[in-house]
C-alpha atoms as a PDB file:
ATOM      1  CA  MET A   1      -8.698  29.201   6.179  1.00  0.00           C
ATOM      2  CA  LYS A   2      -9.635  25.502   6.560  1.00  0.00           C
ATOM      3  CA  ALA A   3     -12.889  26.100   4.758  1.00  0.00           C
ATOM      4  CA  MET A   4     -10.802  27.547   1.714  1.00  0.00           C
ATOM      5  CA  ARG A   5      -8.491  24.528   1.874  1.00  0.00           C
ATOM      6  CA  LEU A   6     -11.498  22.153   1.859  1.00  0.00           C
ATOM      7  CA  LEU A   7     -12.994  24.419  -1.077  1.00  0.00           C
ATOM      8  CA  ARG A   8      -9.808  24.159  -2.995  1.00  0.00           C
ATOM      9  CA  ARG A   9      -9.302  20.423  -2.478  1.00  0.00           C
ATOM     10  CA  SER A  10     -12.948  19.776  -3.667  1.00  0.00           C
ATOM     11  CA  PHE A  11     -12.508  21.780  -6.687  1.00  0.00           C
ATOM     12  CA  ALA A  12      -9.138  19.979  -7.590  1.00  0.00           C
ATOM     13  CA  ALA A  13     -10.983  16.696  -7.087  1.00  0.00           C
ATOM     14  CA  VAL A  14     -13.776  17.452  -9.415  1.00  0.00           C
ATOM     15  CA  LEU A  15     -11.169  18.858 -12.045  1.00  0.00           C
ATOM     16  CA  LEU A  16      -9.129  15.802 -11.774  1.00  0.00           C
ATOM     17  CA  ALA A  17     -12.110  13.351 -12.124  1.00  0.00           C
ATOM     18  CA  VAL A  18     -13.519  15.443 -15.319  1.00  0.00           C
ATOM     19  CA  THR A  19     -10.123  15.330 -16.652  1.00  0.00           C
ATOM     20  CA  MET A  20     -10.025  11.518 -16.023  1.00  0.00           C
ATOM     21  CA  LEU A  21     -13.308  10.739 -17.738  1.00  0.00           C
ATOM     22  CA  THR A  22     -12.539  12.661 -20.712  1.00  0.00           C
ATOM     23  CA  ALA A  23      -9.230  10.721 -20.942  1.00  0.00           C
ATOM     24  CA  ALA A  24     -10.930   7.625 -20.309  1.00  0.00           C
ATOM     25  CA  ARG A  25     -13.547   8.173 -23.103  1.00  0.00           C
ATOM     26  CA  ALA A  26     -10.725   9.095 -25.653  1.00  0.00           C
ATOM     27  CA  ASP A  27      -8.673   5.773 -25.121  1.00  0.00           C
ATOM     28  CA  ALA A  28     -11.697   3.371 -24.728  1.00  0.00           C
ATOM     29  CA  ALA A  29     -11.018   2.129 -28.086  1.00  0.00           C
ATOM     30  CA  THR A  30      -7.601   1.062 -27.481  1.00  0.00           C
ATOM     31  CA  THR A  31      -7.752  -0.052 -23.915  1.00  0.00           C
ATOM     32  CA  PRO A  32      -9.362  -3.494 -23.101  1.00  0.00           C
ATOM     33  CA  ALA A  33     -12.847  -3.024 -22.217  1.00  0.00           C
ATOM     34  CA  PRO A  34     -12.829  -4.129 -18.577  1.00  0.00           C
ATOM     35  CA  LEU A  35      -9.813  -1.816 -17.849  1.00  0.00           C
ATOM     36  CA  ALA A  36     -11.353   1.079 -19.590  1.00  0.00           C
ATOM     37  CA  ALA A  37     -14.487   0.462 -17.462  1.00  0.00           C
ATOM     38  CA  LEU A  38     -12.577   0.400 -14.242  1.00  0.00           C
ATOM     39  CA  ARG A  39     -10.940   3.511 -15.323  1.00  0.00           C
ATOM     40  CA  THR A  40     -14.281   5.300 -15.628  1.00  0.00           C
ATOM     41  CA  GLN A  41     -15.594   4.158 -12.696  1.00  0.00           C
ATOM     42  CA  LEU A  42     -12.528   5.256 -10.601  1.00  0.00           C
ATOM     43  CA  ALA A  43     -12.896   8.587 -12.144  1.00  0.00           C
ATOM     44  CA  ALA A  44     -16.548   8.793 -11.007  1.00  0.00           C
ATOM     45  CA  MET A  45     -15.753   7.775  -7.604  1.00  0.00           C
ATOM     46  CA  MET A  46     -13.332  10.436  -7.233  1.00  0.00           C
ATOM     47  CA  LEU A  47     -16.055  12.976  -7.407  1.00  0.00           C
ATOM     48  CA  HIS A  48     -17.327  11.925  -4.256  1.00  0.00           C
ATOM     49  CA  ALA A  49     -14.134  10.875  -2.463  1.00  0.00           C
ATOM     50  CA  PRO A  50     -14.059  12.270   1.158  1.00  0.00           C
ATOM     51  CA  GLY A  51     -10.795  13.912   2.029  1.00  0.00           C
ATOM     52  CA  HIS A  52      -7.403  13.378   0.478  1.00  0.00           C
ATOM     53  CA  VAL A  53      -7.394   9.981  -1.408  1.00  0.00           C
ATOM     54  CA  ALA A  54      -4.760   8.197  -3.559  1.00  0.00           C
ATOM     55  CA  VAL A  55      -5.214   4.699  -5.259  1.00  0.00           C
ATOM     56  CA  THR A  56      -2.944   2.408  -7.468  1.00  0.00           C
ATOM     57  CA  ILE A  57      -4.211  -0.957  -9.059  1.00  0.00           C
ATOM     58  CA  GLU A  58      -2.089  -3.073 -10.922  1.00  0.00           C
ATOM     59  CA  ASP A  59      -2.899  -6.457 -12.742  1.00  0.00           C
ATOM     60  CA  LEU A  60       0.321  -8.620 -12.124  1.00  0.00           C
ATOM     61  CA  THR A  61      -0.701 -10.885 -15.129  1.00  0.00           C
ATOM     62  CA  THR A  62       0.040  -8.295 -17.731  1.00  0.00           C
ATOM     63  CA  GLY A  63       1.662  -5.452 -15.847  1.00  0.00           C
ATOM     64  CA  LEU A  64      -0.951  -2.909 -16.625  1.00  0.00           C
ATOM     65  CA  SER A  65      -1.643  -0.304 -13.926  1.00  0.00           C
ATOM     66  CA  THR A  66      -3.793   2.564 -12.928  1.00  0.00           C
ATOM     67  CA  SER A  67      -3.072   5.322 -10.557  1.00  0.00           C
ATOM     68  CA  VAL A  68      -5.016   8.407  -9.209  1.00  0.00           C
ATOM     69  CA  ASN A  69      -2.617  10.554  -7.181  1.00  0.00           C
ATOM     70  CA  GLY A  70      -0.609   7.385  -6.981  1.00  0.00           C
ATOM     71  CA  ASN A  71       2.709   9.216  -6.227  1.00  0.00           C
ATOM     72  CA  ALA A  72       1.190  11.583  -3.559  1.00  0.00           C
ATOM     73  CA  GLN A  73       2.954  11.303  -0.347  1.00  0.00           C
ATOM     74  CA  MET A  74       0.463  10.349   2.317  1.00  0.00           C
ATOM     75  CA  PRO A  75       0.381   9.323   6.022  1.00  0.00           C
ATOM     76  CA  ALA A  76       1.439   5.658   5.892  1.00  0.00           C
ATOM     77  CA  ALA A  77       0.220   4.756   9.392  1.00  0.00           C
ATOM     78  CA  SER A  78       0.946   1.011   9.878  1.00  0.00           C
ATOM     79  CA  THR A  79       1.401   0.260   6.209  1.00  0.00           C
ATOM     80  CA  ILE A  80       5.071   1.573   6.960  1.00  0.00           C
ATOM     81  CA  LYS A  81       5.431  -1.734   8.812  1.00  0.00           C
ATOM     82  CA  ILE A  82       6.060  -3.441   5.443  1.00  0.00           C
ATOM     83  CA  PRO A  83       9.240  -1.565   4.732  1.00  0.00           C
ATOM     84  CA  VAL A  84      10.317  -2.431   8.130  1.00  0.00           C
ATOM     85  CA  MET A  85       9.578  -5.985   7.319  1.00  0.00           C
ATOM     86  CA  VAL A  86      11.561  -5.802   4.196  1.00  0.00           C
ATOM     87  CA  GLU A  87      14.579  -4.662   5.849  1.00  0.00           C
ATOM     88  CA  VAL A  88      14.264  -7.540   8.393  1.00  0.00           C
ATOM     89  CA  PHE A  89      14.488  -9.894   5.577  1.00  0.00           C
ATOM     90  CA  ARG A  90      17.147  -8.145   3.674  1.00  0.00           C
ATOM     91  CA  GLN A  91      19.307  -8.496   6.795  1.00  0.00           C
ATOM     92  CA  LEU A  92      18.288 -12.040   7.457  1.00  0.00           C
ATOM     93  CA  ALA A  93      19.356 -12.786   3.800  1.00  0.00           C
ATOM     94  CA  ALA A  94      22.643 -11.052   4.551  1.00  0.00           C
ATOM     95  CA  GLY A  95      23.380 -13.246   7.588  1.00  0.00           C
ATOM     96  CA  ASP A  96      23.310 -10.630  10.237  1.00  0.00           C
ATOM     97  CA  PHE A  97      20.856 -12.622  12.463  1.00  0.00           C
ATOM     98  CA  ASP A  98      18.332 -15.437  11.944  1.00  0.00           C
ATOM     99  CA  LEU A  99      14.778 -15.694  12.666  1.00  0.00           C
ATOM    100  CA  ASN A 100      15.490 -17.113  16.152  1.00  0.00           C
ATOM    101  CA  ARG A 101      17.343 -14.339  17.408  1.00  0.00           C
ATOM    102  CA  ASN A 102      15.955 -12.810  20.525  1.00  0.00           C
ATOM    103  CA  VAL A 103      15.318  -9.133  20.789  1.00  0.00           C
ATOM    104  CA  THR A 104      15.050  -7.685  24.456  1.00  0.00           C
ATOM    105  CA  LEU A 105      12.127  -5.256  25.162  1.00  0.00           C
ATOM    106  CA  THR A 106      13.201  -1.863  26.433  1.00  0.00           C
ATOM    107  CA  ALA A 107      11.045   0.716  28.095  1.00  0.00           C
ATOM    108  CA  SER A 108      11.444   3.178  25.134  1.00  0.00           C
ATOM    109  CA  ASP A 109      10.238   0.476  22.736  1.00  0.00           C
ATOM    110  CA  ARG A 110       6.797   0.539  24.188  1.00  0.00           C
ATOM    111  CA  ASP A 111       3.814   2.095  22.315  1.00  0.00           C
ATOM    112  CA  TRP A 112       0.301   1.766  23.636  1.00  0.00           C
ATOM    113  CA  GLY A 113      -1.308   3.056  20.530  1.00  0.00           C
ATOM    114  CA  TRP A 114      -2.175  -0.799  19.253  1.00  0.00           C
ATOM    115  CA  GLY A 115      -0.767  -4.154  20.440  1.00  0.00           C
ATOM    116  CA  ASP A 116      -0.571  -6.084  23.819  1.00  0.00           C
ATOM    117  CA  LEU A 117       3.429  -6.142  23.716  1.00  0.00           C
ATOM    118  CA  ALA A 118       3.400  -2.701  25.631  1.00  0.00           C
ATOM    119  CA  ASP A 119       2.244  -4.263  28.627  1.00  0.00           C
ATOM    120  CA  ALA A 120       5.047  -6.848  28.769  1.00  0.00           C
ATOM    121  CA  ALA A 121       7.868  -6.379  31.269  1.00  0.00           C
ATOM    122  CA  PRO A 122      10.981  -4.684  30.111  1.00  0.00           C
ATOM    123  CA  GLY A 123      13.583  -7.262  29.832  1.00  0.00           C
ATOM    124  CA  SER A 124      11.309  -9.562  28.202  1.00  0.00           C
ATOM    125  CA  ARG A 125      12.720 -11.367  25.109  1.00  0.00           C
ATOM    126  CA  TYR A 126      11.041 -12.263  21.718  1.00  0.00           C
ATOM    127  CA  SER A 127      12.420 -14.056  18.672  1.00  0.00           C
ATOM    128  CA  VAL A 128      12.480 -12.026  15.501  1.00  0.00           C
ATOM    129  CA  GLN A 129       9.989 -14.611  13.874  1.00  0.00           C
ATOM    130  CA  ARG A 130       7.564 -13.766  16.765  1.00  0.00           C
ATOM    131  CA  LEU A 131       8.121  -9.865  16.418  1.00  0.00           C
ATOM    132  CA  LEU A 132       7.487 -10.044  12.573  1.00  0.00           C
ATOM    133  CA  THR A 133       4.020 -11.841  13.239  1.00  0.00           C
ATOM    134  CA  LEU A 134       3.072  -9.438  16.028  1.00  0.00           C
ATOM    135  CA  MET A 135       4.012  -6.482  13.798  1.00  0.00           C
ATOM    136  CA  ILE A 136       2.345  -7.414  10.608  1.00  0.00           C
ATOM    137  CA  ASP A 137      -0.720  -9.465  11.539  1.00  0.00           C
ATOM    138  CA  ASP A 138      -1.471  -7.964  14.791  1.00  0.00           C
ATOM    139  CA  SER A 139       0.065  -4.548  13.891  1.00  0.00           C
ATOM    140  CA  ASP A 140       1.831  -4.211  17.220  1.00  0.00           C
ATOM    141  CA  ASN A 141       3.469  -1.140  17.499  1.00  0.00           C
ATOM    142  CA  THR A 142       5.892  -2.245  20.165  1.00  0.00           C
ATOM    143  CA  ALA A 143       7.043  -5.235  18.162  1.00  0.00           C
ATOM    144  CA  THR A 144       7.679  -2.683  15.306  1.00  0.00           C
ATOM    145  CA  ASN A 145       9.763  -0.605  17.519  1.00  0.00           C
ATOM    146  CA  MET A 146      11.968  -3.498  18.675  1.00  0.00           C
ATOM    147  CA  LEU A 147      12.447  -4.522  14.875  1.00  0.00           C
ATOM    148  CA  ILE A 148      13.430  -0.947  13.892  1.00  0.00           C
ATOM    149  CA  ARG A 149      15.874  -0.886  16.697  1.00  0.00           C
ATOM    150  CA  LEU A 150      17.306  -4.062  15.654  1.00  0.00           C
ATOM    151  CA  VAL A 151      17.773  -3.196  12.082  1.00  0.00           C
ATOM    152  CA  GLY A 152      18.168   0.416  12.259  1.00  0.00           C
ATOM    153  CA  ARG A 153      15.773   3.326  11.126  1.00  0.00           C
ATOM    154  CA  THR A 154      18.478   4.790   8.633  1.00  0.00           C
ATOM    155  CA  ASN A 155      18.715   1.374   7.166  1.00  0.00           C
ATOM    156  CA  VAL A 156      15.011   0.968   6.452  1.00  0.00           C
ATOM    157  CA  ASN A 157      15.139   4.340   4.616  1.00  0.00           C
ATOM    158  CA  ARG A 158      18.401   3.470   2.649  1.00  0.00           C
ATOM    159  CA  THR A 159      16.949   0.183   1.412  1.00  0.00           C
ATOM    160  CA  MET A 160      13.747   1.663   0.387  1.00  0.00           C
ATOM    161  CA  ALA A 161      15.498   4.427  -1.779  1.00  0.00           C
ATOM    162  CA  GLU A 162      17.893   1.868  -3.350  1.00  0.00           C
ATOM    163  CA  LEU A 163      14.630  -0.088  -4.176  1.00  0.00           C
ATOM    164  CA  GLY A 164      13.538   3.143  -6.184  1.00  0.00           C
ATOM    165  CA  LEU A 165      10.758   4.385  -3.537  1.00  0.00           C
ATOM    166  CA  THR A 166      10.419   8.018  -3.694  1.00  0.00           C
ATOM    167  CA  GLN A 167       7.887   9.027  -1.383  1.00  0.00           C
ATOM    168  CA  THR A 168       8.480   6.522   1.837  1.00  0.00           C
ATOM    169  CA  ALA A 169      10.115   7.621   4.895  1.00  0.00           C
ATOM    170  CA  LEU A 170      10.393   6.418   8.372  1.00  0.00           C
ATOM    171  CA  HIS A 171      11.215   9.472  10.229  1.00  0.00           C
ATOM    172  CA  ASP A 172      10.888   8.159  13.801  1.00  0.00           C
ATOM    173  CA  TYR A 173       9.915   5.150  15.858  1.00  0.00           C
ATOM    174  CA  ILE A 174       6.088   4.480  16.313  1.00  0.00           C
ATOM    175  CA  ARG A 175       4.905   7.158  18.743  1.00  0.00           C
ATOM    176  CA  SER A 176       1.114   7.155  18.581  1.00  0.00           C
ATOM    177  CA  ASP A 177       1.103  10.309  20.965  1.00  0.00           C
ATOM    178  CA  GLY A 178       3.322  12.261  18.741  1.00  0.00           C
ATOM    179  CA  PRO A 179       3.293  13.763  15.229  1.00  0.00           C
ATOM    180  CA  ILE A 180       2.926  10.201  13.693  1.00  0.00           C
ATOM    181  CA  ARG A 181       1.053  11.285  10.398  1.00  0.00           C
ATOM    182  CA  TYR A 182       4.489  13.251   9.516  1.00  0.00           C
ATOM    183  CA  ALA A 183       6.850  10.813  10.920  1.00  0.00           C
ATOM    184  CA  LEU A 184       5.340   7.791   8.860  1.00  0.00           C
ATOM    185  CA  ARG A 185       5.277   8.506   4.982  1.00  0.00           C
ATOM    186  CA  SER A 186       4.516   6.711   1.737  1.00  0.00           C
ATOM    187  CA  SER A 187       2.459   6.428  -1.497  1.00  0.00           C
ATOM    188  CA  PRO A 188       0.388   3.843  -3.144  1.00  0.00           C
ATOM    189  CA  ARG A 189       2.832   3.684  -5.951  1.00  0.00           C
ATOM    190  CA  ASP A 190       5.685   3.040  -3.537  1.00  0.00           C
ATOM    191  CA  MET A 191       3.753   0.339  -1.925  1.00  0.00           C
ATOM    192  CA  ALA A 192       2.735  -1.249  -5.171  1.00  0.00           C
ATOM    193  CA  ARG A 193       6.358  -1.209  -6.171  1.00  0.00           C
ATOM    194  CA  LEU A 194       7.227  -3.350  -3.121  1.00  0.00           C
ATOM    195  CA  LEU A 195       4.272  -5.538  -3.480  1.00  0.00           C
ATOM    196  CA  GLU A 196       4.989  -6.265  -7.108  1.00  0.00           C
ATOM    197  CA  ALA A 197       8.539  -7.383  -6.395  1.00  0.00           C
ATOM    198  CA  MET A 198       7.307  -9.519  -3.618  1.00  0.00           C
ATOM    199  CA  ALA A 199       4.837 -11.095  -6.012  1.00  0.00           C
ATOM    200  CA  HIS A 200       7.234 -11.934  -8.654  1.00  0.00           C
ATOM    201  CA  HIS A 201       9.796 -13.229  -5.758  1.00  0.00           C
ATOM    202  CA  THR A 202      12.454 -10.703  -6.443  1.00  0.00           C
ATOM    203  CA  LEU A 203      12.024  -8.713  -3.140  1.00  0.00           C
ATOM    204  CA  VAL A 204      15.264  -9.517  -1.503  1.00  0.00           C
ATOM    205  CA  ASP A 205      15.125 -13.107  -2.631  1.00  0.00           C
ATOM    206  CA  GLU A 206      12.742 -15.903  -3.462  1.00  0.00           C
ATOM    207  CA  TRP A 207      12.344 -17.374   0.047  1.00  0.00           C
ATOM    208  CA  SER A 208      12.041 -13.761   1.615  1.00  0.00           C
ATOM    209  CA  SER A 209       9.323 -12.944  -0.807  1.00  0.00           C
ATOM    210  CA  ARG A 210       7.399 -15.957  -0.081  1.00  0.00           C
ATOM    211  CA  GLU A 211       7.803 -15.691   3.635  1.00  0.00           C
ATOM    212  CA  MET A 212       6.705 -12.077   3.507  1.00  0.00           C
ATOM    213  CA  ILE A 213       3.703 -12.856   1.474  1.00  0.00           C
ATOM    214  CA  SER A 214       2.687 -15.792   3.983  1.00  0.00           C
ATOM    215  CA  ILE A 215       3.079 -13.273   6.976  1.00  0.00           C
ATOM    216  CA  LEU A 216       0.751 -10.604   5.232  1.00  0.00           C
ATOM    217  CA  CYS A 217      -1.768 -13.511   4.339  1.00  0.00           C
ATOM    218  CA  ASP A 218      -2.294 -14.071   8.091  1.00  0.00           C
ATOM    219  CA  GLN A 219      -3.424 -10.543   8.645  1.00  0.00           C
ATOM    220  CA  THR A 220      -6.164 -10.186  11.165  1.00  0.00           C
ATOM    221  CA  HIS A 221      -7.316  -6.873  10.640  1.00  0.00           C
ATOM    222  CA  ASN A 222      -9.675  -7.383   7.491  1.00  0.00           C
ATOM    223  CA  GLY A 223     -12.002  -4.612   7.462  1.00  0.00           C
ATOM    224  CA  LEU A 224     -10.953  -2.649   4.348  1.00  0.00           C
ATOM    225  CA  ILE A 225     -10.045  -4.203   1.325  1.00  0.00           C
ATOM    226  CA  PRO A 226     -11.243  -7.888   2.169  1.00  0.00           C
ATOM    227  CA  GLU A 227     -14.412  -6.851   3.606  1.00  0.00           C
ATOM    228  CA  PRO A 228     -16.484  -6.585   0.196  1.00  0.00           C
ATOM    229  CA  LEU A 229     -14.844  -9.461  -1.595  1.00  0.00           C
ATOM    230  CA  PRO A 230     -16.056 -12.975  -1.754  1.00  0.00           C
ATOM    231  CA  ALA A 231     -15.438 -15.067   1.286  1.00  0.00           C
ATOM    232  CA  GLY A 232     -12.399 -17.265   1.022  1.00  0.00           C
ATOM    233  CA  THR A 233     -10.456 -14.757  -1.240  1.00  0.00           C
ATOM    234  CA  THR A 234      -6.843 -14.930  -0.281  1.00  0.00           C
ATOM    235  CA  ILE A 235      -5.065 -11.592   0.382  1.00  0.00           C
ATOM    236  CA  ALA A 236      -1.693 -10.767   1.486  1.00  0.00           C
ATOM    237  CA  HIS A 237      -1.953  -6.967   2.948  1.00  0.00           C
ATOM    238  CA  LYS A 238      -1.483  -4.615   5.686  1.00  0.00           C
ATOM    239  CA  THR A 239      -3.815  -2.059   7.007  1.00  0.00           C
ATOM    240  CA  GLY A 240      -3.156   1.262   8.615  1.00  0.00           C
ATOM    241  CA  THR A 241      -5.542   3.412  10.809  1.00  0.00           C
ATOM    242  CA  LEU A 242      -4.723   6.894  12.290  1.00  0.00           C
ATOM    243  CA  HIS A 243      -7.073   9.384  13.612  1.00  0.00           C
ATOM    244  CA  ASP A 244      -8.485  10.594  10.113  1.00  0.00           C
ATOM    245  CA  THR A 245      -6.491   8.225   7.939  1.00  0.00           C
ATOM    246  CA  LEU A 246      -7.319   4.881   6.624  1.00  0.00           C
ATOM    247  CA  ASP A 247      -4.835   2.714   4.493  1.00  0.00           C
ATOM    248  CA  ASP A 248      -4.644  -0.619   3.106  1.00  0.00           C
ATOM    249  CA  VAL A 249      -2.322  -2.097   0.624  1.00  0.00           C
ATOM    250  CA  GLY A 250      -2.079  -5.741  -0.773  1.00  0.00           C
ATOM    251  CA  ILE A 251      -2.101  -8.416  -3.278  1.00  0.00           C
ATOM    252  CA  VAL A 252      -5.397  -9.924  -3.934  1.00  0.00           C
ATOM    253  CA  PHE A 253      -5.090 -13.601  -5.424  1.00  0.00           C
ATOM    254  CA  LEU A 254      -7.690 -13.756  -8.043  1.00  0.00           C
ATOM    255  CA  ASN A 255      -7.922 -17.230  -9.386  1.00  0.00           C
ATOM    256  CA  ASN A 256      -4.053 -17.545  -9.453  1.00  0.00           C
ATOM    257  CA  GLU A 257      -3.950 -14.101 -11.459  1.00  0.00           C
ATOM    258  CA  PRO A 258      -3.327 -11.786  -8.713  1.00  0.00           C
ATOM    259  CA  TYR A 259      -3.640  -7.979  -8.577  1.00  0.00           C
ATOM    260  CA  ILE A 260      -2.087  -5.111  -6.345  1.00  0.00           C
ATOM    261  CA  ILE A 261      -4.349  -2.810  -4.782  1.00  0.00           C
ATOM    262  CA  ALA A 262      -3.049   0.232  -2.611  1.00  0.00           C
ATOM    263  CA  VAL A 263      -5.538   2.708  -1.248  1.00  0.00           C
ATOM    264  CA  MET A 264      -4.612   5.771   1.094  1.00  0.00           C
ATOM    265  CA  ALA A 265      -7.187   8.106   2.348  1.00  0.00           C
ATOM    266  CA  THR A 266      -6.569  11.158   4.852  1.00  0.00           C
ATOM    267  CA  ASP A 267      -8.206  14.038   6.065  1.00  0.00           C
ATOM    268  CA  LEU A 268     -11.410  11.976   6.312  1.00  0.00           C
ATOM    269  CA  PRO A 269     -14.474  13.614   7.690  1.00  0.00           C
ATOM    270  CA  THR A 270     -15.090  10.327   9.502  1.00  0.00           C
ATOM    271  CA  LEU A 271     -13.531   7.126   9.416  1.00  0.00           C
ATOM    272  CA  ASP A 272     -16.778   5.639   8.248  1.00  0.00           C
ATOM    273  CA  ALA A 273     -16.742   7.680   5.217  1.00  0.00           C
ATOM    274  CA  GLY A 274     -13.417   6.328   4.495  1.00  0.00           C
ATOM    275  CA  TYR A 275     -14.268   2.515   5.061  1.00  0.00           C
ATOM    276  CA  ARG A 276     -17.164   2.995   2.657  1.00  0.00           C
ATOM    277  CA  PHE A 277     -14.720   4.637   0.024  1.00  0.00           C
ATOM    278  CA  ILE A 278     -12.079   1.891   0.274  1.00  0.00           C
ATOM    279  CA  HIS A 279     -14.811  -0.858   0.156  1.00  0.00           C
ATOM    280  CA  GLY A 280     -16.087   0.655  -2.981  1.00  0.00           C
ATOM    281  CA  ILE A 281     -12.704   0.831  -4.617  1.00  0.00           C
ATOM    282  CA  SER A 282     -11.830  -2.808  -3.449  1.00  0.00           C
ATOM    283  CA  ARG A 283     -15.017  -4.143  -5.142  1.00  0.00           C
ATOM    284  CA  VAL A 284     -15.112  -2.391  -8.517  1.00  0.00           C
ATOM    285  CA  ALA A 285     -11.380  -3.506  -8.803  1.00  0.00           C
ATOM    286  CA  TYR A 286     -12.219  -6.871  -7.992  1.00  0.00           C
ATOM    287  CA  ASP A 287     -15.222  -7.192 -10.509  1.00  0.00           C
ATOM    288  CA  ALA A 288     -13.244  -5.236 -13.108  1.00  0.00           C
ATOM    289  CA  LEU A 289     -10.041  -7.503 -12.922  1.00  0.00           C
ATOM    290  CA  THR A 290     -12.307 -10.648 -12.720  1.00  0.00           C
ATOM    291  CA  ARG A 291     -13.759  -9.371 -16.105  1.00  0.00           C
ATOM    292  CA  PHE A 292     -10.493  -8.790 -17.411  1.00  0.00           C
ATOM    293  CA  ALA A 293      -9.228 -12.163 -16.590  1.00  0.00           C
ATOM    294  CA  ASN A 294     -12.188 -13.629 -18.481  1.00  0.00           C
ATOM    295  CA  TRP A 295     -11.495 -11.296 -21.452  1.00  0.00           C
ATOM    296  CA  ARG A 296      -8.008 -12.611 -21.873  1.00  0.00           C
ATOM    297  CA  ALA A 297      -9.143 -16.017 -21.974  1.00  0.00           C
ATOM    298  CA  SER A 298     -11.767 -15.458 -24.438  1.00  0.00           C
ATOM    299  CA  ASN A 299      -9.171 -13.518 -26.503  1.00  0.00           C
ATOM    300  CA  GLY A 300      -6.469 -16.085 -26.328  1.00  0.00           C
ATOM    301  CA  THR A 301      -4.074 -14.092 -24.279  1.00  0.00           C
ATOM    302  CA  GLY A 302      -2.425 -16.357 -21.659  1.00  0.00           C
ATOM    303  CA  ALA A 303      -1.426 -15.517 -18.190  1.00  0.00           C
ATOM    304  CA  ALA A 304       2.245 -14.450 -17.541  1.00  0.00           C
ATOM    305  CA  THR A 305       4.576 -16.373 -15.448  1.00  0.00           C
ATOM    306  CA  LEU A 306       4.173 -14.997 -11.986  1.00  0.00           C
ATOM    307  CA  ALA A 307       7.732 -15.245 -10.876  1.00  0.00           C
ATOM    308  CA  ALA A 308       9.201 -13.693 -13.966  1.00  0.00           C
ATOM    309  CA  PRO A 309       9.725  -9.892 -13.939  1.00  0.00           C
ATOM    310  CA  ILE A 310       7.429  -7.813 -16.035  1.00  0.00           C
ATOM    311  CA  ALA A 311       9.145  -6.275 -18.876  1.00  0.00           C
ATOM    312  CA  GLN A 312       9.011  -2.481 -18.593  1.00  0.00           C
ATOM    313  CA  ALA A 313       7.869  -0.472 -21.808  1.00  0.00           C
ATOM    314  CA  ALA A 314       9.977   2.499 -22.810  1.00  0.00           C
ATOM    315  CA  VAL A 315       7.162   5.069 -22.556  1.00  0.00           C
ATOM    316  CA  PRO A 316       7.645   8.735 -21.536  1.00  0.00           C
ATOM    317  CA  PRO A 317       6.728   9.497 -17.916  1.00  0.00           C
ATOM    318  CA  VAL A 318       3.484  11.257 -17.232  1.00  0.00           C
ATOM    319  CA  ALA A 319       2.003  12.872 -14.264  1.00  0.00           C
ATOM    320  CA  PRO A 320       0.876  10.479 -11.693  1.00  0.00           C
ATOM    321  CA  ASP A 321      -2.519  11.773 -11.611  1.00  0.00           C
ATOM    322  CA  GLN A 322      -2.949  11.190 -15.317  1.00  0.00           C
ATOM    323  CA  GLN A 323      -1.113   7.966 -15.660  1.00  0.00           C
ATOM    324  CA  MET A 324      -3.784   5.221 -16.241  1.00  0.00           C
ATOM    325  CA  TRP A 325      -3.513   1.824 -17.980  1.00  0.00           C
ATOM    326  CA  ASN A 326       0.143   1.846 -19.072  1.00  0.00           C
ATOM    327  CA  PRO A 327       2.791  -0.522 -18.615  1.00  0.00           C
ATOM    328  CA  ILE A 328       4.521   0.311 -15.281  1.00  0.00           C
ATOM    329  CA  THR A 329       7.163   2.937 -15.673  1.00  0.00           C
ATOM    330  CA  PRO A 330       8.951   5.141 -12.854  1.00  0.00           C
ATOM    331  CA  GLU A 331       6.936   8.440 -12.237  1.00  0.00           C
ATOM    332  CA  PRO A 332       8.273  11.686 -11.341  1.00  0.00           C
ATOM    333  CA  ALA A 333       8.244  12.549  -7.549  1.00  0.00           C
ATOM    334  CA  VAL A 334       5.130  14.651  -6.527  1.00  0.00           C
ATOM    335  CA  ALA A 335       4.731  15.493  -2.967  1.00  0.00           C
ATOM    336  CA  GLY A 336       1.177  15.179  -1.396  1.00  0.00           C
ATOM    337  CA  GLU A 337      -0.701  18.181  -0.122  1.00  0.00           C
ATOM    338  CA  SER A 338       0.564  19.040   3.395  1.00  0.00           C
ATOM    339  CA  PRO A 339      -2.296  17.899   5.676  1.00  0.00           C
ATOM    340  CA  ALA A 340      -3.464  20.211   8.474  1.00  0.00           C
ATOM    341  CA  VAL A 341      -1.911  19.750  11.960  1.00  0.00           C
ATOM    342  CA  ASP A 342      -3.812  16.975  13.690  1.00  0.00           C
ATOM    343  CA  GLY A 343      -4.492  18.177  17.228  1.00  0.00           C
ATOM    344  CA  ARG A 344      -5.742  15.022  18.476  1.00  0.00           C
END
């Protein structure tokens, strides 16, 4: 049965890539050359993608985006900590508490999957500001559970739904020894939607957006999207690693013309294969969007004001696997393939 699933998945990936390559050639005349080239590169890379992968890339200057399986619901791993952070800032803005509010560690908060806080004594107290840093920059699971308990798991899910996220769900606290791949779910398009609002300073409010970007820029786990990029590139991002899953989502600040990249890969044969795939996607996106920025400059198209929302064109929705370089529009919800039970 497993072999049959792998065969079907491989056939579907090849069929999707061939469809994308055909579509890329068909609209090459109307798509800016650097973006058409990136689309073709992504289609070719999908032919050799390990496991089940999903990608969304968006140029924030123009609002043009491309997705491959962008709406597929995937194991979110630690990228789910971005929605938790958003809910913390929403309640901060509402005046429910402030960054100096202390939260007391309980035994039920502890998770030894990642982070040092699990070794702290129950009854220890930490400020919300400190917990945010530990949750995002160090990916501390115990700090995350403390913040989930503070703001309420149902509130996280309600806020994500109100923001239009259709594939994101926090079904439980972070329990590394449990069915975590099913408990924490999201999609590249959902994550890109959060990051886009954050980049335009409209996620919660301007102050909250700036603070969240600042926290994400201090990420200490930089082995995925940042790894193949030039030294010194500023990236606000969050990674996730889980058994056979690697995720990384973030904003790459390319010469003041940033772009969003969200890559999720699961059912990986090895984590090394996932690292190589994400490195490749990150590098081709960086190179293509650098060329696109130069193309705009040579064609006299100026950069949009980053803090201003991007106008949404009235185009009919299309399937997420087929939506490529088009203005951002809501996509129909498409559930990802249900992964096999992970026995590890």
